[in-house]
Amino acid sequence: MINKQGIKFLTESDFDEHSIWRYSESTDLYYPVTLLEEIPISAKNLFIRANLRCPNTMTFKGYIIGAQNIYGVGIFNAGKKYRFNKNALEECIAQFNLFIQKLPFNKIFLISEIFPIRYETTIDLEGFHNVSGEFNAFEKLQEKRLLKEKQF
């Protein structure tokens, strides 16, 4: 059964039900995409189910945000959602700290053990193609560090 009603927040079970969601700024709700014609004009409002793999080989269910220019990912872990937007560094740092606290290992994780994260979409709609790539939420932080190192 296809639910065309919008929802306020996306959960892991929403992505189990539909592989692509679009956000409507006019209603402030998310809607499942079931046809090519439902893809939003702005790809920044597109959320696509994906399998995620960290450099340390941990894997998670999640989603990418965007289409050709992926600017964010959402990671599901231990019943919670952690969202990383490469344009919001302070928020990424806060999300990272919350995320690593819920990992099943009793250790401290470095950013480099989690990011860059590999993604592979799992779209199950006819006429759509899956994509894969790499996303680094902390790319700007690493660029800042390199600039500081070069100043000496």
C-alpha atoms as a PDB file:
ATOM      1  CA  MET A   1       0.000   0.000   0.000  1.00  0.00           C
ATOM      2  CA  ILE A   2       1.481   3.334  -1.049  1.00  0.00           C
ATOM      3  CA  ASN A   3       1.223   6.127   1.504  1.00  0.00           C
ATOM      4  CA  LYS A   4       1.098   9.489  -0.269  1.00  0.00           C
ATOM      5  CA  GLN A   5       0.539  11.458   2.910  1.00  0.00           C
ATOM      6  CA  GLY A   6       3.438  13.521   4.105  1.00  0.00           C
ATOM      7  CA  ILE A   7       5.269  12.861   7.335  1.00  0.00           C
ATOM      8  CA  LYS A   8       7.148  15.241   9.610  1.00  0.00           C
ATOM      9  CA  PHE A   9      10.250  13.126  10.371  1.00  0.00           C
ATOM     10  CA  LEU A  10      11.897  10.290   8.433  1.00  0.00           C
ATOM     11  CA  THR A  11      12.698   7.082  10.294  1.00  0.00           C
ATOM     12  CA  GLU A  12      14.495   3.876   9.413  1.00  0.00           C
ATOM     13  CA  SER A  13      11.155   2.111   8.867  1.00  0.00           C
ATOM     14  CA  ASP A  14      10.100   4.837   6.398  1.00  0.00           C
ATOM     15  CA  PHE A  15      13.164   3.968   4.296  1.00  0.00           C
ATOM     16  CA  ASP A  16      12.320   0.261   4.637  1.00  0.00           C
ATOM     17  CA  GLU A  17       8.960   1.080   3.058  1.00  0.00           C
ATOM     18  CA  HIS A  18      10.134   3.545   0.369  1.00  0.00           C
ATOM     19  CA  SER A  19      13.636   3.954  -1.051  1.00  0.00           C
ATOM     20  CA  ILE A  20      13.277   7.621  -2.073  1.00  0.00           C
ATOM     21  CA  TRP A  21      11.704  10.544  -0.240  1.00  0.00           C
ATOM     22  CA  ARG A  22      11.334  14.199  -1.177  1.00  0.00           C
ATOM     23  CA  TYR A  23      11.005  17.137   1.168  1.00  0.00           C
ATOM     24  CA  SER A  24       8.460  19.865   0.438  1.00  0.00           C
ATOM     25  CA  GLU A  25       9.429  23.274   1.771  1.00  0.00           C
ATOM     26  CA  SER A  26       5.853  24.521   1.294  1.00  0.00           C
ATOM     27  CA  THR A  27       4.336  21.893   3.627  1.00  0.00           C
ATOM     28  CA  ASP A  28       7.463  21.136   5.709  1.00  0.00           C
ATOM     29  CA  LEU A  29       6.749  17.420   5.170  1.00  0.00           C
ATOM     30  CA  TYR A  30       8.435  14.430   3.524  1.00  0.00           C
ATOM     31  CA  TYR A  31       6.676  12.450   0.773  1.00  0.00           C
ATOM     32  CA  PRO A  32       7.580   9.082  -0.763  1.00  0.00           C
ATOM     33  CA  VAL A  33       8.728   9.148  -4.389  1.00  0.00           C
ATOM     34  CA  THR A  34       7.151   6.362  -6.403  1.00  0.00           C
ATOM     35  CA  LEU A  35       7.397   7.788  -9.933  1.00  0.00           C
ATOM     36  CA  LEU A  36      10.102   9.607 -11.858  1.00  0.00           C
ATOM     37  CA  GLU A  37       7.755  12.596 -12.224  1.00  0.00           C
ATOM     38  CA  GLU A  38       7.740  13.041  -8.430  1.00  0.00           C
ATOM     39  CA  ILE A  39      11.449  13.901  -8.240  1.00  0.00           C
ATOM     40  CA  PRO A  40      11.736  17.459  -6.885  1.00  0.00           C
ATOM     41  CA  ILE A  41      13.191  20.245  -9.004  1.00  0.00           C
ATOM     42  CA  SER A  42      15.814  20.853  -6.319  1.00  0.00           C
ATOM     43  CA  ALA A  43      17.901  17.732  -5.711  1.00  0.00           C
ATOM     44  CA  LYS A  44      18.794  19.096  -2.255  1.00  0.00           C
ATOM     45  CA  ASN A  45      15.317  17.971  -1.200  1.00  0.00           C
ATOM     46  CA  LEU A  46      15.902  14.333  -2.187  1.00  0.00           C
ATOM     47  CA  PHE A  47      16.611  11.585   0.364  1.00  0.00           C
ATOM     48  CA  ILE A  48      17.698   8.200  -1.017  1.00  0.00           C
ATOM     49  CA  ARG A  49      18.088   4.949   0.941  1.00  0.00           C
ATOM     50  CA  ALA A  50      21.663   3.660   1.008  1.00  0.00           C
ATOM     51  CA  ASN A  51      23.978   1.141   2.587  1.00  0.00           C
ATOM     52  CA  LEU A  52      26.893   2.889   4.284  1.00  0.00           C
ATOM     53  CA  ARG A  53      30.392   1.550   4.974  1.00  0.00           C
ATOM     54  CA  CYS A  54      33.012   3.241   7.138  1.00  0.00           C
ATOM     55  CA  PRO A  55      36.797   3.037   6.600  1.00  0.00           C
ATOM     56  CA  ASN A  56      36.984   0.769   9.667  1.00  0.00           C
ATOM     57  CA  THR A  57      34.553  -1.638   7.868  1.00  0.00           C
ATOM     58  CA  MET A  58      31.512  -0.977  10.075  1.00  0.00           C
ATOM     59  CA  THR A  59      28.303  -0.902   8.029  1.00  0.00           C
ATOM     60  CA  PHE A  60      25.021   0.913   8.605  1.00  0.00           C
ATOM     61  CA  LYS A  61      21.685   1.483   6.979  1.00  0.00           C
ATOM     62  CA  GLY A  62      21.070   5.090   6.091  1.00  0.00           C
ATOM     63  CA  TYR A  63      20.438   7.557   3.299  1.00  0.00           C
ATOM     64  CA  ILE A  64      22.117  10.197   1.181  1.00  0.00           C
ATOM     65  CA  ILE A  65      20.839  13.738   0.781  1.00  0.00           C
ATOM     66  CA  GLY A  66      20.986  15.208  -2.691  1.00  0.00           C
ATOM     67  CA  ALA A  67      21.491  13.616  -6.085  1.00  0.00           C
ATOM     68  CA  GLN A  68      24.546  14.553  -8.124  1.00  0.00           C
ATOM     69  CA  ASN A  69      26.009  16.714  -5.361  1.00  0.00           C
ATOM     70  CA  ILE A  70      25.645  14.715  -2.150  1.00  0.00           C
ATOM     71  CA  TYR A  71      25.827  17.188   0.721  1.00  0.00           C
ATOM     72  CA  GLY A  72      24.633  14.999   3.563  1.00  0.00           C
ATOM     73  CA  VAL A  73      24.035  11.515   4.905  1.00  0.00           C
ATOM     74  CA  GLY A  74      21.821  10.085   7.583  1.00  0.00           C
ATOM     75  CA  ILE A  75      23.008   7.069   9.558  1.00  0.00           C
ATOM     76  CA  PHE A  76      20.687   4.769  11.497  1.00  0.00           C
ATOM     77  CA  ASN A  77      22.190   3.144  14.569  1.00  0.00           C
ATOM     78  CA  ALA A  78      20.673   1.722  17.756  1.00  0.00           C
ATOM     79  CA  GLY A  79      17.212   3.067  16.951  1.00  0.00           C
ATOM     80  CA  LYS A  80      18.426   6.616  16.357  1.00  0.00           C
ATOM     81  CA  LYS A  81      19.202   8.768  13.324  1.00  0.00           C
ATOM     82  CA  TYR A  82      22.387  10.817  12.992  1.00  0.00           C
ATOM     83  CA  ARG A  83      22.522  13.399  10.233  1.00  0.00           C
ATOM     84  CA  PHE A  84      25.759  14.789   8.796  1.00  0.00           C
ATOM     85  CA  ASN A  85      25.704  17.845   6.515  1.00  0.00           C
ATOM     86  CA  LYS A  86      29.087  18.857   5.118  1.00  0.00           C
ATOM     87  CA  ASN A  87      27.929  22.500   5.118  1.00  0.00           C
ATOM     88  CA  ALA A  88      27.274  22.499   8.890  1.00  0.00           C
ATOM     89  CA  LEU A  89      30.579  21.552  10.528  1.00  0.00           C
ATOM     90  CA  GLU A  90      29.635  22.339  14.146  1.00  0.00           C
ATOM     91  CA  GLU A  91      26.484  20.244  13.841  1.00  0.00           C
ATOM     92  CA  CYS A  92      28.546  17.405  12.335  1.00  0.00           C
ATOM     93  CA  ILE A  93      30.906  17.451  15.295  1.00  0.00           C
ATOM     94  CA  ALA A  94      27.983  17.315  17.743  1.00  0.00           C
ATOM     95  CA  GLN A  95      26.312  14.484  15.776  1.00  0.00           C
ATOM     96  CA  PHE A  96      29.603  12.569  15.590  1.00  0.00           C
ATOM     97  CA  ASN A  97      30.044  12.730  19.360  1.00  0.00           C
ATOM     98  CA  LEU A  98      26.499  11.429  19.915  1.00  0.00           C
ATOM     99  CA  PHE A  99      26.927   8.761  17.249  1.00  0.00           C
ATOM    100  CA  ILE A 100      30.151   7.247  18.603  1.00  0.00           C
ATOM    101  CA  GLN A 101      28.639   7.035  22.109  1.00  0.00           C
ATOM    102  CA  LYS A 102      26.043   4.587  20.741  1.00  0.00           C
ATOM    103  CA  LEU A 103      28.470   2.332  18.921  1.00  0.00           C
ATOM    104  CA  PRO A 104      28.690  -1.168  20.400  1.00  0.00           C
ATOM    105  CA  PHE A 105      32.399  -0.985  21.130  1.00  0.00           C
ATOM    106  CA  ASN A 106      33.873   0.474  24.286  1.00  0.00           C
ATOM    107  CA  LYS A 107      36.519   2.631  22.629  1.00  0.00           C
ATOM    108  CA  ILE A 108      37.178   6.115  21.345  1.00  0.00           C
ATOM    109  CA  PHE A 109      36.723   6.533  17.603  1.00  0.00           C
ATOM    110  CA  LEU A 110      38.627   8.908  15.384  1.00  0.00           C
ATOM    111  CA  ILE A 111      36.801  10.781  12.638  1.00  0.00           C
ATOM    112  CA  SER A 112      39.031   8.971  10.127  1.00  0.00           C
ATOM    113  CA  GLU A 113      37.576   5.631  11.274  1.00  0.00           C
ATOM    114  CA  ILE A 114      34.062   6.717  10.278  1.00  0.00           C
ATOM    115  CA  PHE A 115      34.578   9.245   7.453  1.00  0.00           C
ATOM    116  CA  PRO A 116      34.853   9.368   4.544  1.00  0.00           C
ATOM    117  CA  ILE A 117      31.939   6.967   4.374  1.00  0.00           C
ATOM    118  CA  ARG A 118      31.135   4.919   1.270  1.00  0.00           C
ATOM    119  CA  TYR A 119      27.526   4.791   0.138  1.00  0.00           C
ATOM    120  CA  GLU A 120      25.595   2.638  -2.270  1.00  0.00           C
ATOM    121  CA  THR A 121      21.947   3.440  -2.868  1.00  0.00           C
ATOM    122  CA  THR A 122      19.345   0.683  -2.735  1.00  0.00           C
ATOM    123  CA  ILE A 123      16.604   2.104  -4.929  1.00  0.00           C
ATOM    124  CA  ASP A 124      13.891  -0.419  -5.721  1.00  0.00           C
ATOM    125  CA  LEU A 125      11.847   1.611  -8.217  1.00  0.00           C
ATOM    126  CA  GLU A 126      11.574   0.875 -11.918  1.00  0.00           C
ATOM    127  CA  GLY A 127      13.390   3.405 -14.093  1.00  0.00           C
ATOM    128  CA  PHE A 128      15.797   4.491 -11.345  1.00  0.00           C
ATOM    129  CA  HIS A 129      19.468   3.547 -11.151  1.00  0.00           C
ATOM    130  CA  ASN A 130      21.552   2.993  -8.057  1.00  0.00           C
ATOM    131  CA  VAL A 131      24.672   5.059  -7.480  1.00  0.00           C
ATOM    132  CA  SER A 132      27.691   4.704  -5.232  1.00  0.00           C
ATOM    133  CA  GLY A 133      30.335   7.068  -3.992  1.00  0.00           C
ATOM    134  CA  GLU A 134      32.083   8.540  -0.995  1.00  0.00           C
ATOM    135  CA  PHE A 135      30.955  11.259   1.407  1.00  0.00           C
ATOM    136  CA  ASN A 136      33.140  13.146   3.882  1.00  0.00           C
ATOM    137  CA  ALA A 137      31.234  15.259   6.388  1.00  0.00           C
ATOM    138  CA  PHE A 138      34.501  16.614   7.775  1.00  0.00           C
ATOM    139  CA  GLU A 139      36.164  17.652   4.535  1.00  0.00           C
ATOM    140  CA  LYS A 140      36.072  21.344   5.514  1.00  0.00           C
ATOM    141  CA  LEU A 141      37.624  20.596   8.901  1.00  0.00           C
ATOM    142  CA  GLN A 142      40.465  18.721   7.242  1.00  0.00           C
ATOM    143  CA  GLU A 143      40.948  21.618   4.784  1.00  0.00           C
ATOM    144  CA  LYS A 144      41.196  24.078   7.695  1.00  0.00           C
ATOM    145  CA  ARG A 145      43.845  21.913   9.374  1.00  0.00           C
ATOM    146  CA  LEU A 146      45.877  21.719   6.171  1.00  0.00           C
ATOM    147  CA  LEU A 147      45.735  25.507   5.795  1.00  0.00           C
ATOM    148  CA  LYS A 148      46.988  25.983   9.355  1.00  0.00           C
ATOM    149  CA  GLU A 149      49.837  23.543   8.764  1.00  0.00           C
ATOM    150  CA  LYS A 150      50.874  25.374   5.595  1.00  0.00           C
ATOM    151  CA  GLN A 151      51.071  28.711   7.433  1.00  0.00           C
ATOM    152  CA  PHE A 152      54.210  27.657   9.323  1.00  0.00           C
END
